[in-house]
Amino acid sequence: MSSFTPDSQLELLFDPSVIPQSFKASLPDDLHIRPLSSTDVTRSHFSVLSVLSPSPTPSDASYNTHFSVLRQINASTESIKLPPSYVVIVIVNKANDQIVATGSLFLEKKFLRGLSLVGHIEDIAVDKNVQGKKLGFRVVTALTEISENLGAYKTILNCSESNIPFYEKCGYSKKEREMARYRPLAPIPSPKF
């Protein structure tokens, strides 16, 4: 069993101070919320994501390249005093240093509304063994507050019809309709960076 790794020993996707201290303090003592780290490929990240869609674990090299690209994009926006573009948070079980919940926020820089921001929440996933403990609610609520704190004029997400009641409990309401077009060939190869 692995011992808990503190944030100070990790390469994180973005500055952890972006996560409201109130959310960190509200978690039970055996859980920790933080940004995604460069080593989370070894902490069940893809196992947790697989509750949403097939998510095979990539090689360490592929994961690290993808992580580095997202981190560099965040660093470039932060260097010009803009918020990070990619905010992926995880909740870690301190007892075994494994991820039990995750979610993503993408901050889109708009030309509308005075060069504003829109937050897009994606990939809310909770390990099957801990579902029902309101961790998904905590992840969505944290990402929503982060989005608003970073200046997004709205935060949006897509979900299945069956998940609408859950997201309504998180403060969201039905608006508009989603359209999608999927590439006709499967499987879709990972982009090569």
N, C-alpha and C. Protein backbone atom coordinates (compact mmCIF):
# COMPACT_ATOMS: atom_id res chain seq x y z
N MET A 1 0.85 -1.18 0.00
CA MET A 1 0.00 0.00 0.00
C MET A 1 0.89 1.24 0.00
N SER A 2 0.58 2.18 -0.88
CA SER A 2 1.35 3.42 -0.98
C SER A 2 0.94 4.39 0.10
N SER A 3 1.89 5.18 0.56
CA SER A 3 1.55 6.23 1.50
C SER A 3 1.18 7.49 0.74
N PHE A 4 0.41 8.33 1.37
CA PHE A 4 -0.10 9.55 0.75
C PHE A 4 1.06 10.47 0.34
N THR A 5 0.98 10.99 -0.87
CA THR A 5 1.99 11.91 -1.39
C THR A 5 1.47 13.34 -1.29
N PRO A 6 2.12 14.20 -0.51
CA PRO A 6 1.65 15.59 -0.38
C PRO A 6 1.85 16.37 -1.69
N ASP A 7 1.05 17.41 -1.87
CA ASP A 7 1.10 18.24 -3.08
C ASP A 7 2.51 18.76 -3.34
N SER A 8 3.23 19.10 -2.30
CA SER A 8 4.57 19.68 -2.46
C SER A 8 5.55 18.73 -3.15
N GLN A 9 5.23 17.44 -3.19
CA GLN A 9 6.12 16.46 -3.82
C GLN A 9 5.64 16.07 -5.22
N LEU A 10 4.65 16.78 -5.74
CA LEU A 10 4.06 16.43 -7.03
C LEU A 10 4.23 17.56 -8.04
N GLU A 11 4.31 17.19 -9.30
CA GLU A 11 4.23 18.18 -10.39
C GLU A 11 2.74 18.28 -10.74
N LEU A 12 2.14 19.42 -10.43
CA LEU A 12 0.69 19.60 -10.57
C LEU A 12 0.35 20.37 -11.85
N LEU A 13 -0.86 20.12 -12.35
CA LEU A 13 -1.32 20.72 -13.60
C LEU A 13 -1.49 22.24 -13.48
N PHE A 14 -1.86 22.71 -12.31
CA PHE A 14 -2.06 24.14 -12.08
C PHE A 14 -1.83 24.42 -10.60
N ASP A 15 -1.78 25.67 -10.25
CA ASP A 15 -1.54 26.10 -8.87
C ASP A 15 -2.68 25.60 -7.98
N PRO A 16 -2.38 24.81 -6.94
CA PRO A 16 -3.46 24.27 -6.09
C PRO A 16 -4.25 25.33 -5.34
N SER A 17 -3.74 26.55 -5.24
CA SER A 17 -4.50 27.62 -4.56
C SER A 17 -5.76 28.00 -5.33
N VAL A 18 -5.87 27.55 -6.59
CA VAL A 18 -7.08 27.80 -7.38
C VAL A 18 -8.27 27.06 -6.78
N ILE A 19 -8.02 25.93 -6.11
CA ILE A 19 -9.09 25.16 -5.47
C ILE A 19 -9.45 25.86 -4.16
N PRO A 20 -10.71 26.24 -3.98
CA PRO A 20 -11.09 26.97 -2.77
C PRO A 20 -10.74 26.18 -1.50
N GLN A 21 -10.15 26.88 -0.56
CA GLN A 21 -9.76 26.26 0.72
C GLN A 21 -10.97 25.65 1.41
N SER A 22 -12.15 26.25 1.22
CA SER A 22 -13.37 25.73 1.86
C SER A 22 -13.66 24.30 1.41
N PHE A 23 -13.36 23.98 0.15
CA PHE A 23 -13.59 22.62 -0.33
C PHE A 23 -12.56 21.66 0.25
N LYS A 24 -11.33 22.11 0.35
CA LYS A 24 -10.30 21.27 0.94
C LYS A 24 -10.67 20.94 2.39
N ALA A 25 -11.13 21.95 3.12
CA ALA A 25 -11.46 21.78 4.53
C ALA A 25 -12.73 20.96 4.74
N SER A 26 -13.62 20.94 3.76
CA SER A 26 -14.90 20.26 3.93
C SER A 26 -14.83 18.75 3.70
N LEU A 27 -13.74 18.28 3.11
CA LEU A 27 -13.62 16.85 2.86
C LEU A 27 -13.32 16.08 4.14
N PRO A 28 -13.78 14.84 4.23
CA PRO A 28 -13.39 14.02 5.38
C PRO A 28 -11.86 13.90 5.45
N ASP A 29 -11.33 13.64 6.64
CA ASP A 29 -9.89 13.60 6.86
C ASP A 29 -9.16 12.57 6.00
N ASP A 30 -9.86 11.53 5.55
CA ASP A 30 -9.20 10.48 4.77
C ASP A 30 -9.14 10.79 3.28
N LEU A 31 -9.65 11.96 2.86
CA LEU A 31 -9.65 12.35 1.45
C LEU A 31 -8.93 13.68 1.26
N HIS A 32 -8.38 13.87 0.07
CA HIS A 32 -7.65 15.09 -0.26
C HIS A 32 -8.01 15.50 -1.69
N ILE A 33 -8.30 16.78 -1.91
CA ILE A 33 -8.59 17.30 -3.24
C ILE A 33 -7.39 18.11 -3.72
N ARG A 34 -7.03 17.91 -5.00
CA ARG A 34 -5.87 18.62 -5.55
C ARG A 34 -5.94 18.60 -7.07
N PRO A 35 -5.04 19.38 -7.72
CA PRO A 35 -4.93 19.30 -9.17
C PRO A 35 -4.39 17.94 -9.61
N LEU A 36 -4.67 17.56 -10.83
CA LEU A 36 -4.08 16.37 -11.43
C LEU A 36 -2.57 16.50 -11.39
N SER A 37 -1.88 15.37 -11.19
CA SER A 37 -0.41 15.40 -11.16
C SER A 37 0.17 14.57 -12.31
N SER A 38 1.43 14.81 -12.57
CA SER A 38 2.12 14.11 -13.66
C SER A 38 2.26 12.62 -13.40
N THR A 39 2.06 12.18 -12.17
CA THR A 39 2.20 10.76 -11.84
C THR A 39 0.86 10.08 -11.56
N ASP A 40 -0.24 10.75 -11.85
CA ASP A 40 -1.55 10.17 -11.55
C ASP A 40 -1.94 9.01 -12.46
N VAL A 41 -1.16 8.78 -13.50
CA VAL A 41 -1.37 7.59 -14.32
C VAL A 41 -1.21 6.33 -13.46
N THR A 42 -0.44 6.43 -12.38
CA THR A 42 -0.22 5.30 -11.47
C THR A 42 -1.17 5.30 -10.28
N ARG A 43 -2.10 6.25 -10.24
CA ARG A 43 -3.01 6.38 -9.09
C ARG A 43 -4.47 6.13 -9.48
N SER A 44 -4.72 5.24 -10.41
CA SER A 44 -6.08 4.83 -10.79
C SER A 44 -6.87 5.88 -11.56
N HIS A 45 -6.21 6.90 -12.10
CA HIS A 45 -6.94 7.93 -12.83
C HIS A 45 -7.78 7.32 -13.95
N PHE A 46 -7.21 6.44 -14.73
CA PHE A 46 -7.93 5.88 -15.87
C PHE A 46 -8.94 4.83 -15.45
N SER A 47 -8.69 4.17 -14.36
CA SER A 47 -9.67 3.23 -13.81
C SER A 47 -10.94 3.99 -13.40
N VAL A 48 -10.75 5.14 -12.76
CA VAL A 48 -11.91 5.95 -12.36
C VAL A 48 -12.62 6.49 -13.61
N LEU A 49 -11.86 6.99 -14.59
CA LEU A 49 -12.48 7.51 -15.81
C LEU A 49 -13.26 6.44 -16.57
N SER A 50 -12.89 5.19 -16.38
CA SER A 50 -13.56 4.12 -17.13
C SER A 50 -15.01 3.92 -16.73
N VAL A 51 -15.47 4.54 -15.63
CA VAL A 51 -16.90 4.46 -15.31
C VAL A 51 -17.72 5.26 -16.32
N LEU A 52 -17.07 6.16 -17.06
CA LEU A 52 -17.75 6.98 -18.06
C LEU A 52 -17.71 6.37 -19.45
N SER A 53 -16.55 5.87 -19.81
CA SER A 53 -16.30 5.43 -21.18
C SER A 53 -15.03 4.59 -21.16
N PRO A 54 -14.87 3.70 -22.13
CA PRO A 54 -13.61 2.93 -22.14
C PRO A 54 -12.41 3.87 -22.08
N SER A 55 -11.54 3.65 -21.12
CA SER A 55 -10.40 4.54 -20.89
C SER A 55 -9.16 3.71 -20.62
N PRO A 56 -8.61 3.10 -21.66
CA PRO A 56 -7.40 2.30 -21.43
C PRO A 56 -6.27 3.18 -20.90
N THR A 57 -5.49 2.61 -20.01
CA THR A 57 -4.38 3.35 -19.44
C THR A 57 -3.28 3.49 -20.49
N PRO A 58 -2.88 4.73 -20.77
CA PRO A 58 -1.80 4.94 -21.75
C PRO A 58 -0.44 4.59 -21.16
N SER A 59 0.55 4.54 -22.00
CA SER A 59 1.91 4.34 -21.50
C SER A 59 2.29 5.56 -20.67
N ASP A 60 3.26 5.37 -19.80
CA ASP A 60 3.74 6.50 -18.98
C ASP A 60 4.23 7.63 -19.88
N ALA A 61 4.93 7.29 -20.96
CA ALA A 61 5.48 8.32 -21.86
C ALA A 61 4.35 9.11 -22.52
N SER A 62 3.31 8.43 -23.00
CA SER A 62 2.19 9.13 -23.64
C SER A 62 1.46 10.02 -22.64
N TYR A 63 1.23 9.49 -21.45
CA TYR A 63 0.57 10.27 -20.41
C TYR A 63 1.38 11.52 -20.07
N ASN A 64 2.67 11.33 -19.88
CA ASN A 64 3.53 12.46 -19.50
C ASN A 64 3.60 13.51 -20.60
N THR A 65 3.60 13.10 -21.85
CA THR A 65 3.59 14.07 -22.95
C THR A 65 2.29 14.86 -22.95
N HIS A 66 1.17 14.17 -22.81
CA HIS A 66 -0.14 14.83 -22.80
C HIS A 66 -0.23 15.79 -21.61
N PHE A 67 0.18 15.33 -20.44
CA PHE A 67 0.17 16.17 -19.24
C PHE A 67 1.04 17.41 -19.45
N SER A 68 2.22 17.21 -20.01
CA SER A 68 3.15 18.33 -20.23
C SER A 68 2.57 19.39 -21.16
N VAL A 69 1.88 18.94 -22.20
CA VAL A 69 1.26 19.90 -23.12
C VAL A 69 0.21 20.74 -22.38
N LEU A 70 -0.65 20.08 -21.61
CA LEU A 70 -1.68 20.83 -20.86
C LEU A 70 -1.04 21.77 -19.84
N ARG A 71 0.00 21.31 -19.19
CA ARG A 71 0.68 22.15 -18.19
C ARG A 71 1.35 23.36 -18.86
N GLN A 72 1.93 23.16 -20.03
CA GLN A 72 2.56 24.27 -20.76
C GLN A 72 1.52 25.28 -21.21
N ILE A 73 0.36 24.81 -21.65
CA ILE A 73 -0.72 25.74 -22.02
C ILE A 73 -1.12 26.55 -20.79
N ASN A 74 -1.29 25.89 -19.66
CA ASN A 74 -1.64 26.61 -18.43
C ASN A 74 -0.56 27.62 -18.06
N ALA A 75 0.70 27.22 -18.16
CA ALA A 75 1.80 28.13 -17.82
C ALA A 75 1.82 29.34 -18.74
N SER A 76 1.51 29.13 -20.02
CA SER A 76 1.53 30.26 -20.96
C SER A 76 0.42 31.25 -20.66
N THR A 77 -0.76 30.77 -20.25
CA THR A 77 -1.84 31.71 -19.92
C THR A 77 -1.55 32.41 -18.60
N GLU A 78 -1.02 31.67 -17.64
CA GLU A 78 -0.71 32.27 -16.34
C GLU A 78 0.40 33.32 -16.46
N SER A 79 1.32 33.13 -17.42
CA SER A 79 2.43 34.08 -17.58
C SER A 79 1.94 35.44 -18.07
N ILE A 80 0.75 35.49 -18.68
CA ILE A 80 0.17 36.77 -19.11
C ILE A 80 -1.04 37.14 -18.25
N LYS A 81 -1.03 36.62 -17.04
CA LYS A 81 -2.02 36.97 -16.01
C LYS A 81 -3.45 36.54 -16.38
N LEU A 82 -3.57 35.41 -17.09
CA LEU A 82 -4.87 34.82 -17.37
C LEU A 82 -5.00 33.54 -16.57
N PRO A 83 -6.23 33.12 -16.28
CA PRO A 83 -6.40 31.87 -15.53
C PRO A 83 -5.98 30.66 -16.36
N PRO A 84 -5.72 29.53 -15.70
CA PRO A 84 -5.36 28.33 -16.45
C PRO A 84 -6.51 27.92 -17.38
N SER A 85 -6.17 27.29 -18.49
CA SER A 85 -7.20 26.80 -19.42
C SER A 85 -7.71 25.43 -19.03
N TYR A 86 -6.84 24.60 -18.46
CA TYR A 86 -7.18 23.22 -18.11
C TYR A 86 -7.10 23.02 -16.61
N VAL A 87 -8.25 22.76 -16.01
CA VAL A 87 -8.34 22.54 -14.57
C VAL A 87 -8.91 21.14 -14.36
N VAL A 88 -8.04 20.20 -14.07
CA VAL A 88 -8.47 18.83 -13.78
C VAL A 88 -8.19 18.59 -12.31
N ILE A 89 -9.25 18.27 -11.55
CA ILE A 89 -9.07 18.01 -10.12
C ILE A 89 -9.30 16.54 -9.84
N VAL A 90 -8.69 16.08 -8.77
CA VAL A 90 -8.87 14.71 -8.32
C VAL A 90 -9.09 14.72 -6.81
N ILE A 91 -9.85 13.73 -6.36
CA ILE A 91 -9.96 13.47 -4.93
C ILE A 91 -9.21 12.16 -4.68
N VAL A 92 -8.29 12.21 -3.74
CA VAL A 92 -7.40 11.09 -3.46
C VAL A 92 -7.74 10.50 -2.10
N ASN A 93 -7.80 9.17 -2.04
CA ASN A 93 -7.93 8.45 -0.78
C ASN A 93 -6.54 8.43 -0.14
N LYS A 94 -6.39 9.07 0.99
CA LYS A 94 -5.07 9.17 1.63
C LYS A 94 -4.53 7.81 2.08
N ALA A 95 -5.40 6.88 2.39
CA ALA A 95 -4.96 5.58 2.91
C ALA A 95 -4.13 4.81 1.89
N ASN A 96 -4.48 4.93 0.60
CA ASN A 96 -3.73 4.17 -0.42
C ASN A 96 -3.17 5.04 -1.54
N ASP A 97 -3.34 6.37 -1.42
CA ASP A 97 -2.81 7.33 -2.40
C ASP A 97 -3.39 7.10 -3.81
N GLN A 98 -4.65 6.67 -3.87
CA GLN A 98 -5.31 6.40 -5.14
C GLN A 98 -6.45 7.39 -5.36
N ILE A 99 -6.69 7.72 -6.62
CA ILE A 99 -7.78 8.63 -7.00
C ILE A 99 -9.11 7.90 -6.86
N VAL A 100 -10.08 8.59 -6.26
CA VAL A 100 -11.43 8.02 -6.14
C VAL A 100 -12.46 8.85 -6.88
N ALA A 101 -12.10 10.08 -7.29
CA ALA A 101 -13.02 10.92 -8.06
C ALA A 101 -12.22 11.95 -8.84
N THR A 102 -12.78 12.37 -9.97
CA THR A 102 -12.10 13.35 -10.81
C THR A 102 -13.12 14.14 -11.62
N GLY A 103 -12.68 15.27 -12.11
CA GLY A 103 -13.51 16.09 -13.00
C GLY A 103 -12.63 17.13 -13.67
N SER A 104 -13.10 17.60 -14.82
CA SER A 104 -12.32 18.56 -15.62
C SER A 104 -13.13 19.82 -15.88
N LEU A 105 -12.41 20.91 -15.95
CA LEU A 105 -12.97 22.20 -16.32
C LEU A 105 -12.07 22.79 -17.39
N PHE A 106 -12.65 23.15 -18.52
CA PHE A 106 -11.91 23.85 -19.56
C PHE A 106 -12.44 25.27 -19.60
N LEU A 107 -11.55 26.25 -19.51
CA LEU A 107 -11.95 27.65 -19.57
C LEU A 107 -11.70 28.17 -20.98
N GLU A 108 -12.79 28.40 -21.68
CA GLU A 108 -12.73 28.88 -23.06
C GLU A 108 -12.67 30.40 -23.07
N LYS A 109 -11.67 30.92 -23.77
CA LYS A 109 -11.53 32.36 -23.92
C LYS A 109 -12.41 32.80 -25.10
N LYS A 110 -13.39 33.67 -24.84
CA LYS A 110 -14.38 34.07 -25.85
C LYS A 110 -14.07 35.46 -26.41
N PHE A 111 -14.59 35.72 -27.60
CA PHE A 111 -14.59 37.08 -28.13
C PHE A 111 -15.88 37.78 -27.72
N LEU A 112 -16.91 37.02 -27.38
CA LEU A 112 -18.18 37.59 -26.94
C LEU A 112 -18.08 38.21 -25.56
N ARG A 113 -19.08 39.01 -25.24
CA ARG A 113 -19.24 39.57 -23.89
C ARG A 113 -17.96 40.19 -23.34
N GLY A 114 -17.31 40.99 -24.17
CA GLY A 114 -16.13 41.71 -23.71
C GLY A 114 -14.92 40.81 -23.45
N LEU A 115 -14.70 39.85 -24.33
CA LEU A 115 -13.56 38.92 -24.22
C LEU A 115 -13.65 38.10 -22.93
N SER A 116 -14.81 37.51 -22.72
CA SER A 116 -15.09 36.80 -21.47
C SER A 116 -14.63 35.35 -21.50
N LEU A 117 -14.94 34.65 -20.42
CA LEU A 117 -14.62 33.23 -20.26
C LEU A 117 -15.89 32.43 -20.08
N VAL A 118 -15.89 31.20 -20.61
CA VAL A 118 -16.95 30.24 -20.36
C VAL A 118 -16.30 28.98 -19.82
N GLY A 119 -16.83 28.46 -18.73
CA GLY A 119 -16.32 27.21 -18.17
C GLY A 119 -17.09 26.03 -18.72
N HIS A 120 -16.37 25.00 -19.14
CA HIS A 120 -16.96 23.76 -19.64
C HIS A 120 -16.56 22.63 -18.70
N ILE A 121 -17.53 22.04 -18.02
CA ILE A 121 -17.24 20.91 -17.13
C ILE A 121 -17.40 19.62 -17.91
N GLU A 122 -16.44 18.73 -17.71
CA GLU A 122 -16.39 17.44 -18.41
C GLU A 122 -15.90 16.34 -17.47
N ASP A 123 -16.14 15.12 -17.87
CA ASP A 123 -15.49 13.93 -17.29
C ASP A 123 -15.62 13.82 -15.77
N ILE A 124 -16.82 14.01 -15.26
CA ILE A 124 -17.06 13.81 -13.83
C ILE A 124 -17.16 12.31 -13.60
N ALA A 125 -16.24 11.78 -12.81
CA ALA A 125 -16.21 10.34 -12.58
C ALA A 125 -15.86 10.03 -11.13
N VAL A 126 -16.54 9.03 -10.59
CA VAL A 126 -16.32 8.58 -9.22
C VAL A 126 -16.13 7.07 -9.24
N ASP A 127 -15.10 6.60 -8.56
CA ASP A 127 -14.83 5.17 -8.47
C ASP A 127 -16.10 4.43 -8.01
N LYS A 128 -16.38 3.31 -8.65
CA LYS A 128 -17.59 2.53 -8.32
C LYS A 128 -17.68 2.18 -6.84
N ASN A 129 -16.55 1.96 -6.20
CA ASN A 129 -16.53 1.54 -4.80
C ASN A 129 -16.90 2.63 -3.81
N VAL A 130 -16.91 3.89 -4.26
CA VAL A 130 -17.24 4.99 -3.34
C VAL A 130 -18.41 5.84 -3.85
N GLN A 131 -19.12 5.36 -4.85
CA GLN A 131 -20.27 6.11 -5.34
C GLN A 131 -21.34 6.15 -4.24
N GLY A 132 -22.11 7.24 -4.23
CA GLY A 132 -23.14 7.42 -3.22
C GLY A 132 -22.67 8.20 -2.01
N LYS A 133 -21.43 8.67 -2.03
CA LYS A 133 -20.88 9.44 -0.90
C LYS A 133 -20.76 10.92 -1.21
N LYS A 134 -21.46 11.35 -2.25
CA LYS A 134 -21.52 12.76 -2.67
C LYS A 134 -20.19 13.31 -3.18
N LEU A 135 -19.28 12.43 -3.62
CA LEU A 135 -18.01 12.92 -4.15
C LEU A 135 -18.21 13.58 -5.51
N GLY A 136 -19.11 13.05 -6.34
CA GLY A 136 -19.41 13.68 -7.62
C GLY A 136 -19.97 15.07 -7.41
N PHE A 137 -20.86 15.21 -6.45
CA PHE A 137 -21.43 16.53 -6.11
C PHE A 137 -20.32 17.48 -5.69
N ARG A 138 -19.38 16.99 -4.89
CA ARG A 138 -18.27 17.84 -4.43
C ARG A 138 -17.39 18.27 -5.59
N VAL A 139 -17.12 17.35 -6.52
CA VAL A 139 -16.28 17.68 -7.67
C VAL A 139 -16.96 18.73 -8.54
N VAL A 140 -18.24 18.53 -8.85
CA VAL A 140 -18.97 19.49 -9.69
C VAL A 140 -19.05 20.85 -9.00
N THR A 141 -19.35 20.85 -7.72
CA THR A 141 -19.46 22.11 -6.98
C THR A 141 -18.12 22.83 -6.93
N ALA A 142 -17.04 22.09 -6.71
CA ALA A 142 -15.71 22.71 -6.68
C ALA A 142 -15.36 23.30 -8.04
N LEU A 143 -15.59 22.54 -9.12
CA LEU A 143 -15.26 23.04 -10.46
C LEU A 143 -16.11 24.26 -10.82
N THR A 144 -17.37 24.25 -10.40
CA THR A 144 -18.24 25.39 -10.67
C THR A 144 -17.73 26.63 -9.95
N GLU A 145 -17.37 26.47 -8.69
CA GLU A 145 -16.85 27.63 -7.93
C GLU A 145 -15.52 28.11 -8.52
N ILE A 146 -14.66 27.18 -8.92
CA ILE A 146 -13.40 27.56 -9.55
C ILE A 146 -13.68 28.36 -10.82
N SER A 147 -14.60 27.87 -11.64
CA SER A 147 -14.96 28.55 -12.88
C SER A 147 -15.42 29.98 -12.61
N GLU A 148 -16.31 30.11 -11.65
CA GLU A 148 -16.84 31.45 -11.31
C GLU A 148 -15.75 32.33 -10.70
N ASN A 149 -14.92 31.77 -9.83
CA ASN A 149 -13.84 32.55 -9.21
C ASN A 149 -12.82 33.03 -10.23
N LEU A 150 -12.64 32.25 -11.30
CA LEU A 150 -11.68 32.64 -12.33
C LEU A 150 -12.29 33.57 -13.38
N GLY A 151 -13.58 33.90 -13.22
CA GLY A 151 -14.19 34.92 -14.06
C GLY A 151 -15.13 34.45 -15.15
N ALA A 152 -15.47 33.18 -15.20
CA ALA A 152 -16.40 32.70 -16.23
C ALA A 152 -17.78 33.32 -16.01
N TYR A 153 -18.38 33.82 -17.10
CA TYR A 153 -19.72 34.39 -16.96
C TYR A 153 -20.78 33.30 -16.92
N LYS A 154 -20.43 32.08 -17.39
CA LYS A 154 -21.31 30.93 -17.24
C LYS A 154 -20.46 29.67 -17.25
N THR A 155 -21.02 28.63 -16.66
CA THR A 155 -20.38 27.32 -16.65
C THR A 155 -21.41 26.35 -17.18
N ILE A 156 -20.99 25.56 -18.17
CA ILE A 156 -21.92 24.65 -18.84
C ILE A 156 -21.37 23.23 -18.83
N LEU A 157 -22.27 22.29 -19.05
CA LEU A 157 -21.88 20.89 -19.15
C LEU A 157 -22.94 20.15 -19.96
N ASN A 158 -22.55 19.01 -20.48
CA ASN A 158 -23.47 18.12 -21.16
C ASN A 158 -23.63 16.88 -20.31
N CYS A 159 -24.83 16.31 -20.33
CA CYS A 159 -25.05 15.08 -19.58
C CYS A 159 -26.17 14.28 -20.23
N SER A 160 -26.25 13.04 -19.84
CA SER A 160 -27.33 12.19 -20.32
C SER A 160 -28.63 12.59 -19.62
N GLU A 161 -29.72 12.22 -20.22
CA GLU A 161 -31.05 12.51 -19.65
C GLU A 161 -31.14 11.97 -18.22
N SER A 162 -30.59 10.79 -17.99
CA SER A 162 -30.69 10.17 -16.66
C SER A 162 -29.88 10.91 -15.60
N ASN A 163 -28.90 11.72 -16.00
CA ASN A 163 -28.09 12.46 -15.03
C ASN A 163 -28.60 13.88 -14.76
N ILE A 164 -29.66 14.29 -15.44
CA ILE A 164 -30.20 15.64 -15.23
C ILE A 164 -30.55 15.89 -13.76
N PRO A 165 -31.25 14.98 -13.06
CA PRO A 165 -31.56 15.26 -11.65
C PRO A 165 -30.32 15.49 -10.79
N PHE A 166 -29.24 14.75 -11.05
CA PHE A 166 -27.99 14.96 -10.30
C PHE A 166 -27.47 16.37 -10.53
N TYR A 167 -27.39 16.80 -11.78
CA TYR A 167 -26.82 18.12 -12.06
C TYR A 167 -27.75 19.24 -11.61
N GLU A 168 -29.05 18.99 -11.56
CA GLU A 168 -29.96 19.98 -10.98
C GLU A 168 -29.66 20.17 -9.50
N LYS A 169 -29.31 19.08 -8.79
CA LYS A 169 -28.93 19.19 -7.38
C LYS A 169 -27.65 20.00 -7.22
N CYS A 170 -26.84 20.03 -8.27
CA CYS A 170 -25.59 20.80 -8.25
C CYS A 170 -25.81 22.25 -8.65
N GLY A 171 -27.05 22.63 -8.92
CA GLY A 171 -27.37 24.02 -9.26
C GLY A 171 -27.51 24.31 -10.75
N TYR A 172 -27.48 23.29 -11.58
CA TYR A 172 -27.60 23.49 -13.03
C TYR A 172 -29.04 23.30 -13.48
N SER A 173 -29.38 23.90 -14.62
CA SER A 173 -30.72 23.74 -15.18
C SER A 173 -30.61 23.45 -16.68
N LYS A 174 -31.63 22.79 -17.20
CA LYS A 174 -31.64 22.47 -18.62
C LYS A 174 -31.69 23.77 -19.43
N LYS A 175 -30.90 23.80 -20.50
CA LYS A 175 -30.84 24.99 -21.35
C LYS A 175 -30.43 24.53 -22.74
N GLU A 176 -31.21 24.91 -23.73
CA GLU A 176 -30.85 24.61 -25.12
C GLU A 176 -30.83 23.11 -25.40
N ARG A 177 -30.18 22.73 -26.47
CA ARG A 177 -30.01 21.33 -26.88
C ARG A 177 -28.57 21.13 -27.33
N GLU A 178 -28.05 19.95 -27.10
CA GLU A 178 -26.69 19.62 -27.51
C GLU A 178 -26.73 18.96 -28.88
N MET A 179 -25.76 19.30 -29.70
CA MET A 179 -25.57 18.64 -30.99
C MET A 179 -24.16 18.06 -30.96
N ALA A 180 -23.99 16.92 -31.63
CA ALA A 180 -22.67 16.30 -31.69
C ALA A 180 -22.50 15.60 -33.02
N ARG A 181 -21.29 15.54 -33.46
CA ARG A 181 -20.94 14.75 -34.63
C ARG A 181 -19.68 13.98 -34.28
N TYR A 182 -19.77 12.68 -34.37
CA TYR A 182 -18.63 11.84 -34.06
C TYR A 182 -17.98 11.38 -35.34
N ARG A 183 -16.70 11.30 -35.32
CA ARG A 183 -15.94 10.81 -36.45
C ARG A 183 -16.40 9.38 -36.75
N PRO A 184 -16.64 9.03 -38.00
CA PRO A 184 -17.23 7.73 -38.31
C PRO A 184 -16.31 6.53 -38.10
N LEU A 185 -15.03 6.73 -37.98
CA LEU A 185 -14.11 5.62 -37.80
C LEU A 185 -13.85 5.38 -36.32
N ALA A 186 -13.79 4.12 -35.93
CA ALA A 186 -13.49 3.81 -34.54
C ALA A 186 -12.38 2.76 -34.53
N PRO A 187 -11.51 2.70 -33.60
CA PRO A 187 -11.36 3.69 -32.53
C PRO A 187 -10.63 4.93 -33.02
N ILE A 188 -10.83 6.02 -32.33
CA ILE A 188 -10.19 7.27 -32.68
C ILE A 188 -8.79 7.26 -32.08
N PRO A 189 -7.77 7.44 -32.91
CA PRO A 189 -6.40 7.42 -32.37
C PRO A 189 -6.14 8.65 -31.50
N SER A 190 -5.28 8.47 -30.53
CA SER A 190 -4.86 9.59 -29.69
C SER A 190 -4.04 10.56 -30.52
N PRO A 191 -4.18 11.85 -30.26
CA PRO A 191 -3.34 12.80 -30.99
C PRO A 191 -1.88 12.58 -30.64
N LYS A 192 -1.03 12.79 -31.60
CA LYS A 192 0.41 12.64 -31.37
C LYS A 192 1.00 14.02 -31.15
N PHE A 193 1.54 14.25 -29.97
CA PHE A 193 2.14 15.54 -29.65
C PHE A 193 3.60 15.52 -30.00
